N, C-alpha and C. Protein backbone atom coordinates (compact mmCIF):
# COMPACT_ATOMS: atom_id res chain seq x y z
N MET A 1 0.89 -1.09 -0.15
CA MET A 1 0.15 -0.12 0.07
C MET A 1 1.06 1.34 -0.04
N LYS A 2 0.52 2.20 -0.88
CA LYS A 2 1.41 3.16 -1.08
C LYS A 2 0.95 4.40 0.16
N THR A 3 2.10 4.86 0.86
CA THR A 3 1.58 6.07 1.75
C THR A 3 2.14 7.22 1.20
N ASP A 4 1.72 8.52 1.86
CA ASP A 4 2.05 9.87 1.66
C ASP A 4 3.61 9.81 1.75
N ALA A 5 4.12 9.05 2.70
CA ALA A 5 5.76 9.01 2.89
C ALA A 5 6.46 8.32 1.70
N SER A 6 5.67 7.60 0.61
CA SER A 6 6.60 6.86 -0.41
C SER A 6 7.46 7.81 -1.10
N PRO A 7 8.49 7.49 -1.44
CA PRO A 7 9.47 8.38 -2.52
C PRO A 7 8.76 8.27 -3.65
N ALA A 8 9.01 9.34 -4.59
CA ALA A 8 8.68 9.56 -5.83
C ALA A 8 9.79 9.64 -6.91
N PRO A 9 9.44 9.04 -8.09
CA PRO A 9 10.55 9.15 -9.18
C PRO A 9 11.26 10.35 -9.34
N ALA A 10 12.51 10.37 -9.60
CA ALA A 10 13.24 11.67 -9.89
C ALA A 10 13.20 11.99 -11.40
N PRO A 11 12.96 13.17 -11.53
CA PRO A 11 13.02 13.43 -13.30
C PRO A 11 14.50 13.31 -13.66
N PHE A 12 14.79 12.93 -14.94
CA PHE A 12 16.06 12.94 -15.43
C PHE A 12 15.79 13.21 -17.00
N PRO A 13 16.82 13.65 -17.53
CA PRO A 13 16.72 14.21 -18.96
C PRO A 13 16.38 12.88 -20.10
N ALA A 14 15.34 13.20 -20.56
CA ALA A 14 14.52 12.15 -21.46
C ALA A 14 15.77 11.68 -22.48
N ALA A 15 16.47 12.49 -23.06
CA ALA A 15 17.64 12.00 -24.10
C ALA A 15 18.47 10.94 -23.24
N LEU A 16 18.54 10.85 -21.98
CA LEU A 16 19.59 9.84 -21.39
C LEU A 16 18.77 8.53 -20.96
N THR A 17 17.54 8.03 -21.48
CA THR A 17 16.93 7.13 -21.24
C THR A 17 17.62 5.75 -21.96
N ALA A 18 17.83 4.84 -21.12
CA ALA A 18 18.48 3.68 -21.68
C ALA A 18 17.85 3.12 -22.75
N PRO A 19 18.55 2.55 -23.91
CA PRO A 19 18.01 2.08 -25.18
C PRO A 19 17.02 0.98 -24.84
N GLY A 20 15.89 1.03 -25.49
CA GLY A 20 14.88 -0.03 -25.31
C GLY A 20 14.09 0.29 -24.12
N ALA A 21 14.53 0.90 -23.04
CA ALA A 21 13.65 1.09 -21.73
C ALA A 21 12.43 1.71 -21.80
N ALA A 22 12.13 2.64 -22.88
CA ALA A 22 11.16 3.67 -22.94
C ALA A 22 9.76 2.69 -23.43
N ARG A 23 10.05 1.66 -24.05
CA ARG A 23 9.13 0.62 -24.46
C ARG A 23 9.26 -0.81 -23.74
N GLY A 24 9.85 -0.68 -22.61
CA GLY A 24 10.34 -2.17 -21.85
C GLY A 24 9.31 -2.46 -20.99
N ALA A 25 9.33 -3.32 -20.47
CA ALA A 25 8.34 -3.99 -19.33
C ALA A 25 8.59 -3.55 -17.89
N TRP A 26 7.52 -3.30 -17.17
CA TRP A 26 7.90 -2.89 -15.83
C TRP A 26 8.19 -3.91 -14.97
N THR A 27 9.06 -3.72 -14.39
CA THR A 27 9.70 -4.90 -13.50
C THR A 27 9.95 -4.37 -11.93
N ALA A 28 9.48 -5.15 -11.07
CA ALA A 28 9.58 -4.83 -9.70
C ALA A 28 10.98 -4.97 -9.17
N LEU A 29 11.36 -3.84 -8.40
CA LEU A 29 12.85 -3.99 -8.11
C LEU A 29 12.89 -4.07 -6.58
N LEU A 30 12.20 -3.26 -5.80
CA LEU A 30 12.40 -3.58 -4.34
C LEU A 30 11.19 -2.75 -3.87
N ASP A 31 11.03 -2.92 -2.64
CA ASP A 31 9.96 -2.17 -1.78
C ASP A 31 10.32 -0.62 -1.47
N ALA A 32 9.48 0.17 -1.71
CA ALA A 32 9.86 1.73 -1.55
C ALA A 32 10.23 1.87 0.03
N ALA A 33 9.81 1.24 0.86
CA ALA A 33 9.98 1.31 2.36
C ALA A 33 11.52 0.83 2.62
N ASP A 34 12.22 0.13 1.59
CA ASP A 34 13.38 -0.24 1.83
C ASP A 34 14.47 0.74 1.33
N MET A 35 13.94 1.86 0.61
CA MET A 35 14.84 3.13 0.26
C MET A 35 14.51 4.27 0.99
N PRO A 36 14.99 4.45 2.13
CA PRO A 36 15.04 5.70 2.78
C PRO A 36 15.90 6.77 2.23
N PRO A 37 15.82 7.93 2.25
CA PRO A 37 16.64 9.00 1.85
C PRO A 37 17.90 8.80 1.83
N GLY A 38 18.83 8.93 0.88
CA GLY A 38 20.08 8.69 0.82
C GLY A 38 20.73 7.17 0.55
N ALA A 39 19.65 6.20 0.49
CA ALA A 39 19.79 4.71 0.48
C ALA A 39 20.63 4.64 -1.11
N MET A 40 21.22 3.62 -1.33
CA MET A 40 21.63 3.17 -2.68
C MET A 40 21.68 1.56 -2.50
N ARG A 41 21.01 1.00 -3.45
CA ARG A 41 21.20 -0.52 -3.49
C ARG A 41 21.36 -0.85 -4.95
N ARG A 42 22.01 -2.15 -5.19
CA ARG A 42 22.22 -2.63 -6.34
C ARG A 42 21.09 -3.77 -6.54
N VAL A 43 20.56 -3.89 -7.43
CA VAL A 43 19.41 -4.97 -7.89
C VAL A 43 19.70 -5.52 -9.21
N THR A 44 19.74 -6.83 -9.42
CA THR A 44 20.19 -7.41 -10.46
C THR A 44 18.68 -8.08 -11.04
N ARG A 45 18.49 -8.01 -12.53
CA ARG A 45 17.61 -8.51 -13.02
C ARG A 45 18.06 -8.88 -14.36
N GLY A 46 18.17 -10.08 -14.60
CA GLY A 46 18.71 -10.65 -15.72
C GLY A 46 20.33 -10.55 -16.04
N GLU A 47 20.71 -9.98 -17.14
CA GLU A 47 21.87 -9.27 -17.28
C GLU A 47 22.16 -7.93 -16.74
N LEU A 48 21.07 -7.41 -16.30
CA LEU A 48 21.38 -5.82 -15.92
C LEU A 48 21.64 -5.76 -14.50
N ASP A 49 22.74 -5.17 -14.00
CA ASP A 49 23.05 -4.75 -12.51
C ASP A 49 22.45 -3.18 -12.51
N LEU A 50 21.88 -3.16 -11.72
CA LEU A 50 20.87 -1.53 -11.52
C LEU A 50 21.55 -1.02 -10.23
N LEU A 51 21.37 0.33 -10.24
CA LEU A 51 21.78 1.06 -9.31
C LEU A 51 20.28 1.77 -8.92
N VAL A 52 19.72 1.49 -7.86
CA VAL A 52 18.27 2.28 -7.24
C VAL A 52 18.95 3.17 -6.07
N VAL A 53 18.67 4.56 -6.20
CA VAL A 53 19.11 5.60 -5.48
C VAL A 53 17.86 6.39 -5.01
N HIS A 54 17.87 6.73 -3.73
CA HIS A 54 16.74 7.65 -3.35
C HIS A 54 17.69 8.95 -3.08
N THR A 55 17.69 10.01 -4.08
CA THR A 55 18.13 11.13 -4.16
C THR A 55 17.17 12.14 -3.37
N PRO A 56 17.70 13.33 -3.00
CA PRO A 56 16.68 14.50 -2.62
C PRO A 56 15.68 14.83 -3.69
N ALA A 57 15.98 14.54 -5.04
CA ALA A 57 15.01 14.81 -6.14
C ALA A 57 14.05 13.64 -6.28
N GLY A 58 14.32 12.36 -5.62
CA GLY A 58 13.49 11.29 -5.88
C GLY A 58 14.20 10.02 -6.27
N ILE A 59 13.78 8.89 -6.66
CA ILE A 59 14.21 7.80 -6.85
C ILE A 59 14.87 7.80 -8.41
N VAL A 60 16.04 7.18 -8.52
CA VAL A 60 16.71 7.16 -9.79
C VAL A 60 17.21 5.61 -9.75
N VAL A 61 17.05 5.49 -11.19
CA VAL A 61 17.38 3.93 -11.51
C VAL A 61 18.35 3.99 -12.71
N THR A 62 19.65 3.59 -12.50
CA THR A 62 20.55 3.48 -13.73
C THR A 62 21.22 2.23 -13.68
N ASP A 63 22.29 1.79 -14.64
CA ASP A 63 23.12 0.96 -14.40
C ASP A 63 24.00 1.26 -13.35
N ASP A 64 24.51 -0.10 -12.63
CA ASP A 64 25.18 -0.01 -11.47
C ASP A 64 26.61 -0.22 -11.97
N ARG A 65 27.00 0.85 -12.95
CA ARG A 65 28.31 0.82 -13.47
C ARG A 65 28.77 2.29 -13.65
N CYS A 66 30.14 2.66 -12.91
CA CYS A 66 30.67 4.03 -13.25
C CYS A 66 30.51 4.15 -14.79
N PRO A 67 30.19 5.56 -15.18
CA PRO A 67 30.29 5.73 -16.68
C PRO A 67 31.72 5.94 -17.31
N HIS A 68 32.84 5.52 -16.33
CA HIS A 68 34.23 5.66 -16.75
C HIS A 68 34.64 4.48 -17.07
N MET A 69 34.92 3.54 -16.07
CA MET A 69 35.43 2.07 -16.15
C MET A 69 34.64 1.16 -15.70
N SER A 70 33.44 1.38 -15.40
CA SER A 70 32.24 0.35 -15.11
C SER A 70 32.28 -0.24 -13.77
N ALA A 71 32.98 0.53 -12.86
CA ALA A 71 33.04 -0.08 -11.48
C ALA A 71 31.64 -0.03 -10.83
N PRO A 72 31.28 -0.96 -9.75
CA PRO A 72 29.91 -0.89 -9.28
C PRO A 72 29.89 0.60 -8.26
N LEU A 73 29.01 1.33 -8.64
CA LEU A 73 28.91 2.51 -7.86
C LEU A 73 28.12 2.29 -6.72
N SER A 74 27.32 1.13 -6.44
CA SER A 74 26.64 0.72 -5.22
C SER A 74 27.38 0.70 -4.10
N ILE A 75 28.65 0.42 -4.18
CA ILE A 75 29.75 0.52 -3.14
C ILE A 75 30.44 1.94 -3.21
N GLY A 76 30.00 2.64 -3.73
CA GLY A 76 30.52 4.04 -3.77
C GLY A 76 29.81 4.91 -2.57
N THR A 77 29.97 6.24 -2.45
CA THR A 77 29.47 7.05 -1.67
C THR A 77 28.36 7.95 -2.29
N LEU A 78 27.49 8.52 -1.53
CA LEU A 78 26.34 9.37 -2.20
C LEU A 78 26.32 10.57 -1.26
N GLU A 79 26.37 11.97 -1.88
CA GLU A 79 26.07 13.08 -1.17
C GLU A 79 24.98 13.72 -2.14
N GLY A 80 23.59 13.85 -1.63
CA GLY A 80 22.62 14.49 -2.30
C GLY A 80 22.34 13.61 -3.70
N CYS A 81 22.54 14.28 -4.87
CA CYS A 81 22.40 13.50 -6.06
C CYS A 81 23.82 13.06 -6.73
N VAL A 82 24.84 13.27 -6.02
CA VAL A 82 26.15 13.03 -6.58
C VAL A 82 26.64 11.98 -5.80
N VAL A 83 27.18 10.88 -6.74
CA VAL A 83 27.74 9.44 -6.22
C VAL A 83 29.08 9.43 -6.74
N ALA A 84 30.15 8.88 -5.56
CA ALA A 84 31.32 8.90 -5.93
C ALA A 84 31.79 7.51 -6.24
N CYS A 85 32.55 7.23 -7.29
CA CYS A 85 33.09 6.28 -7.62
C CYS A 85 34.18 5.42 -6.65
N PRO A 86 34.23 4.41 -6.30
CA PRO A 86 35.21 3.79 -5.37
C PRO A 86 36.45 3.48 -6.14
N LEU A 87 36.44 3.58 -7.41
CA LEU A 87 37.57 2.85 -8.04
C LEU A 87 38.72 3.98 -8.35
N HIS A 88 38.09 5.13 -9.25
CA HIS A 88 39.10 6.24 -9.48
C HIS A 88 38.57 7.71 -9.16
N GLU A 89 37.90 7.65 -8.03
CA GLU A 89 37.30 9.09 -7.27
C GLU A 89 36.62 9.83 -8.13
N GLY A 90 35.91 9.52 -9.29
CA GLY A 90 35.28 10.41 -10.13
C GLY A 90 33.77 10.45 -9.35
N ARG A 91 33.41 11.59 -9.64
CA ARG A 91 31.96 11.95 -9.11
C ARG A 91 31.04 12.37 -10.12
N PHE A 92 29.69 11.86 -9.95
CA PHE A 92 28.66 11.78 -11.00
C PHE A 92 27.45 12.31 -10.58
N ASP A 93 26.65 13.09 -11.24
CA ASP A 93 25.39 13.60 -10.77
C ASP A 93 24.36 12.73 -11.29
N LEU A 94 23.65 12.19 -10.39
CA LEU A 94 22.60 11.36 -10.70
C LEU A 94 21.47 12.04 -11.12
N CYS A 95 21.39 13.27 -10.86
CA CYS A 95 19.91 14.04 -11.36
C CYS A 95 20.31 14.58 -12.77
N SER A 96 21.54 14.63 -13.12
CA SER A 96 21.66 15.33 -14.57
C SER A 96 22.31 14.37 -15.45
N GLY A 97 23.03 13.29 -15.00
CA GLY A 97 23.60 12.37 -15.68
C GLY A 97 25.26 12.99 -15.91
N ASP A 98 25.56 13.98 -15.59
CA ASP A 98 26.80 14.69 -15.89
C ASP A 98 27.87 14.24 -14.90
N PRO A 99 29.15 14.41 -15.26
CA PRO A 99 30.28 14.20 -14.44
C PRO A 99 30.50 15.49 -13.57
N VAL A 100 30.76 15.12 -12.38
CA VAL A 100 30.85 16.58 -11.39
C VAL A 100 32.49 16.41 -11.40
N ARG A 101 33.33 15.56 -11.26
CA ARG A 101 34.64 15.75 -11.26
C ARG A 101 35.15 14.34 -11.81
N MET A 102 35.93 14.71 -12.90
CA MET A 102 36.60 13.43 -13.52
C MET A 102 37.34 12.59 -12.57
N PRO A 103 37.47 11.27 -13.05
CA PRO A 103 38.10 10.40 -12.59
C PRO A 103 39.91 10.62 -12.30
N THR A 104 40.76 10.04 -11.39
CA THR A 104 42.05 10.33 -11.28
C THR A 104 42.82 9.97 -12.59
N THR A 105 42.29 9.13 -13.28
CA THR A 105 42.84 8.68 -14.45
C THR A 105 42.67 9.69 -15.69
N GLY A 106 41.93 10.74 -15.54
CA GLY A 106 41.86 11.65 -16.57
C GLY A 106 40.94 11.06 -17.64
N GLY A 107 41.33 11.70 -18.78
CA GLY A 107 40.50 11.10 -20.19
C GLY A 107 39.39 12.11 -20.58
N LEU A 108 38.53 11.61 -21.63
CA LEU A 108 37.90 12.68 -22.17
C LEU A 108 36.37 12.79 -21.52
N ASP A 109 35.79 14.03 -21.37
CA ASP A 109 34.54 14.11 -20.68
C ASP A 109 33.51 13.84 -21.78
N PRO A 110 32.25 13.83 -21.53
CA PRO A 110 31.20 13.51 -22.59
C PRO A 110 31.26 14.40 -23.85
N GLU A 111 31.85 15.56 -23.68
CA GLU A 111 31.77 16.48 -24.78
C GLU A 111 33.03 16.19 -25.63
N GLY A 112 33.99 15.49 -25.22
CA GLY A 112 35.24 15.12 -25.82
C GLY A 112 36.37 15.87 -25.24
N VAL A 113 36.17 16.59 -24.56
CA VAL A 113 37.27 17.60 -23.78
C VAL A 113 38.18 16.67 -22.95
N TYR A 114 39.55 16.81 -23.00
CA TYR A 114 40.52 16.03 -22.36
C TYR A 114 40.72 16.61 -21.16
N HIS A 115 40.87 15.97 -19.89
CA HIS A 115 41.30 16.21 -18.67
C HIS A 115 42.56 15.34 -18.38
N PRO A 116 43.48 15.95 -17.82
CA PRO A 116 44.78 15.20 -17.51
C PRO A 116 44.29 14.24 -16.24
N THR A 117 45.31 13.57 -16.00
CA THR A 117 45.29 12.69 -14.49
C THR A 117 45.35 13.82 -13.53
N TRP A 118 45.17 13.42 -12.17
CA TRP A 118 45.25 14.34 -11.00
C TRP A 118 45.25 13.25 -9.92
N SER A 119 45.85 13.92 -8.94
CA SER A 119 45.98 13.30 -7.62
C SER A 119 44.92 13.95 -6.51
N PRO A 120 44.57 13.02 -5.85
CA PRO A 120 43.59 13.52 -4.60
C PRO A 120 44.43 14.60 -3.68
N SER A 121 43.72 15.57 -3.04
CA SER A 121 44.58 16.41 -2.44
C SER A 121 45.54 15.81 -1.20
N GLY A 122 46.67 16.35 -1.32
CA GLY A 122 47.97 15.84 -0.29
C GLY A 122 48.56 14.93 -0.74
N GLY A 123 48.21 14.29 -1.94
CA GLY A 123 48.99 13.24 -2.54
C GLY A 123 50.02 13.94 -3.36
N PRO A 124 50.98 13.02 -3.82
CA PRO A 124 51.95 13.60 -4.81
C PRO A 124 51.35 13.56 -6.17
N PRO A 125 51.87 14.70 -6.95
CA PRO A 125 51.41 14.72 -8.32
C PRO A 125 51.48 13.39 -9.08
N LYS A 126 50.34 12.95 -9.72
CA LYS A 126 50.31 11.77 -10.53
C LYS A 126 51.18 11.83 -11.80
N ILE A 127 51.96 11.04 -11.95
CA ILE A 127 52.97 11.01 -13.27
C ILE A 127 52.04 9.99 -14.34
N ASP A 128 52.10 10.52 -15.52
CA ASP A 128 51.53 9.78 -16.45
C ASP A 128 52.67 9.35 -17.56
N PRO A 129 53.13 8.41 -17.52
CA PRO A 129 54.40 8.04 -18.38
C PRO A 129 54.11 7.76 -19.63
N PRO A 130 54.64 8.01 -20.75
CA PRO A 130 54.15 7.67 -22.14
C PRO A 130 54.22 6.27 -22.11
N GLY A 131 53.25 5.96 -23.12
CA GLY A 131 53.03 4.35 -23.41
C GLY A 131 51.63 4.12 -23.67
N LEU A 132 51.38 3.01 -24.15
CA LEU A 132 49.67 2.50 -24.32
C LEU A 132 49.05 2.81 -23.37
N LYS A 133 49.28 2.62 -22.26
CA LYS A 133 48.38 2.95 -21.07
C LYS A 133 47.88 4.33 -21.13
N ALA A 134 48.95 5.09 -21.12
CA ALA A 134 48.72 6.69 -21.17
C ALA A 134 47.90 6.93 -22.31
N GLU A 135 48.04 6.30 -23.42
CA GLU A 135 47.24 6.78 -24.75
C GLU A 135 45.82 6.10 -24.46
N ALA A 136 45.81 5.05 -23.77
CA ALA A 136 44.45 4.51 -23.59
C ALA A 136 43.68 5.34 -22.61
N ARG A 137 44.33 5.96 -21.47
CA ARG A 137 43.55 6.88 -20.49
C ARG A 137 43.29 8.09 -21.42
N ARG A 138 44.16 8.77 -22.25
CA ARG A 138 43.65 9.92 -22.98
C ARG A 138 42.64 9.64 -23.72
N LEU A 139 42.35 8.07 -24.35
CA LEU A 139 41.24 8.08 -25.25
C LEU A 139 40.15 7.46 -24.59
N THR A 140 39.90 7.34 -23.29
CA THR A 140 38.91 6.84 -22.54
C THR A 140 37.95 7.83 -22.11
N ARG A 141 36.64 7.85 -22.82
CA ARG A 141 35.48 8.68 -22.51
C ARG A 141 34.56 8.41 -21.31
N VAL A 142 34.58 9.44 -20.58
CA VAL A 142 33.31 9.12 -19.49
C VAL A 142 32.06 9.47 -20.08
N ARG A 143 31.17 8.53 -19.89
CA ARG A 143 29.86 8.72 -20.59
C ARG A 143 28.76 9.38 -19.37
N ARG A 144 27.68 9.80 -20.11
CA ARG A 144 26.66 10.15 -19.34
C ARG A 144 25.89 8.91 -18.74
N PHE A 145 25.28 9.09 -17.59
CA PHE A 145 24.41 7.94 -17.13
C PHE A 145 23.22 7.80 -18.24
N ARG A 146 22.84 6.49 -18.10
CA ARG A 146 21.37 5.95 -18.98
C ARG A 146 20.49 5.63 -17.95
N TYR A 147 19.38 6.26 -17.98
CA TYR A 147 18.20 5.74 -16.85
C TYR A 147 17.16 5.19 -17.45
N TYR A 148 16.67 4.36 -16.27
CA TYR A 148 15.22 3.56 -16.73
C TYR A 148 14.45 4.38 -16.00
N PRO A 149 13.03 4.44 -16.90
CA PRO A 149 11.87 4.87 -16.20
C PRO A 149 11.44 4.32 -15.05
N VAL A 150 10.99 5.08 -14.00
CA VAL A 150 10.77 4.53 -12.59
C VAL A 150 9.24 4.97 -12.46
N ARG A 151 8.66 4.06 -11.48
CA ARG A 151 7.24 4.58 -10.89
C ARG A 151 7.11 3.93 -9.77
N ILE A 152 6.38 4.23 -8.80
CA ILE A 152 6.10 3.59 -7.68
C ILE A 152 4.55 2.95 -7.78
N ALA A 153 4.40 1.80 -7.66
CA ALA A 153 3.15 1.07 -7.67
C ALA A 153 2.84 0.18 -6.30
N ASP A 154 1.93 0.59 -5.71
CA ASP A 154 1.56 -0.11 -4.63
C ASP A 154 2.55 -0.54 -3.49
N GLY A 155 3.51 0.71 -3.44
CA GLY A 155 4.55 0.78 -2.44
C GLY A 155 5.86 0.04 -2.98
N VAL A 156 5.77 -0.60 -4.35
CA VAL A 156 6.90 -1.13 -4.78
C VAL A 156 7.58 -0.46 -5.92
N ILE A 157 9.09 -0.25 -5.91
CA ILE A 157 9.84 0.51 -6.92
C ILE A 157 9.78 -0.24 -8.24
N GLU A 158 9.35 0.19 -9.24
CA GLU A 158 9.47 -0.41 -10.59
C GLU A 158 10.20 0.16 -11.66
N ALA A 159 10.95 -0.41 -12.61
CA ALA A 159 11.72 0.24 -13.62
C ALA A 159 11.22 -0.41 -14.96
N SER A 160 11.18 0.56 -15.86
CA SER A 160 10.98 -0.15 -17.32
C SER A 160 12.29 -0.73 -18.02
N LEU A 161 12.43 -1.95 -18.17
CA LEU A 161 13.65 -2.42 -18.48
C LEU A 161 13.45 -3.06 -19.84
N PRO A 162 14.59 -2.83 -20.63
CA PRO A 162 14.33 -3.47 -21.93
C PRO A 162 13.69 -4.82 -21.89
N VAL A 163 13.20 -5.18 -22.95
CA VAL A 163 12.81 -6.84 -23.04
C VAL A 163 13.85 -7.58 -23.64
N GLU A 164 14.23 -8.53 -22.96
CA GLU A 164 15.31 -9.36 -23.44
C GLU A 164 14.86 -10.21 -24.76
N SER A 165 15.86 -9.88 -25.89
CA SER A 165 15.37 -10.82 -27.05
C SER A 165 15.44 -12.22 -26.92
N ALA A 166 15.04 -12.93 -27.65
CA ALA A 166 15.38 -14.45 -27.50
C ALA A 166 16.33 -14.85 -28.69
C-alpha cells in the first residue's frame, strides 16, 4: 500500500533513457520502504545490474556501473544527487547524468574535452608516463548515465527495463 511518505521518481533528461527502456516491461525492483532518503542499492535483473538510489530529487534507476570504467557505484558514496566511484574517485550527478569531477585517470569528458590525470589532495602529483596505458587513458571517454523510467506502484519501486530478445 502506497503511503504519503513513499518516495517519488526523480525527473531525468529524457535523452538519457537507456536504449529500449521507454518501451520496456515494468519490473519490480524492491519495496519503496527499503529505500530511505540517501539509500543506494544494487538490484540485478537478468543481465542488468541496476543502481537504485533515493536522492533528494526522488528515486533514480541507472546501471550500477561507473560511466568511466564500469566499477559498481553501489559500493561508492552518495552526497545529495552526487555519487562517488570507489575506483578512480570520479563523481557523477545522478540527477543530470553529468560528471561533477573527472576520475583520477583523466580522459575525455562527455563532450570530448580532455582532462589530465590528477591526484587527490595531499597526494604527490600523479605522473603519467608515455606508452599504451597513457594513450588508452587519454582516449577513455566518461559517458553520461543512462536511466530507466521509474514508477512506484503499491509501494513497490518498478523500472521499465528493455525486454530481452530471444
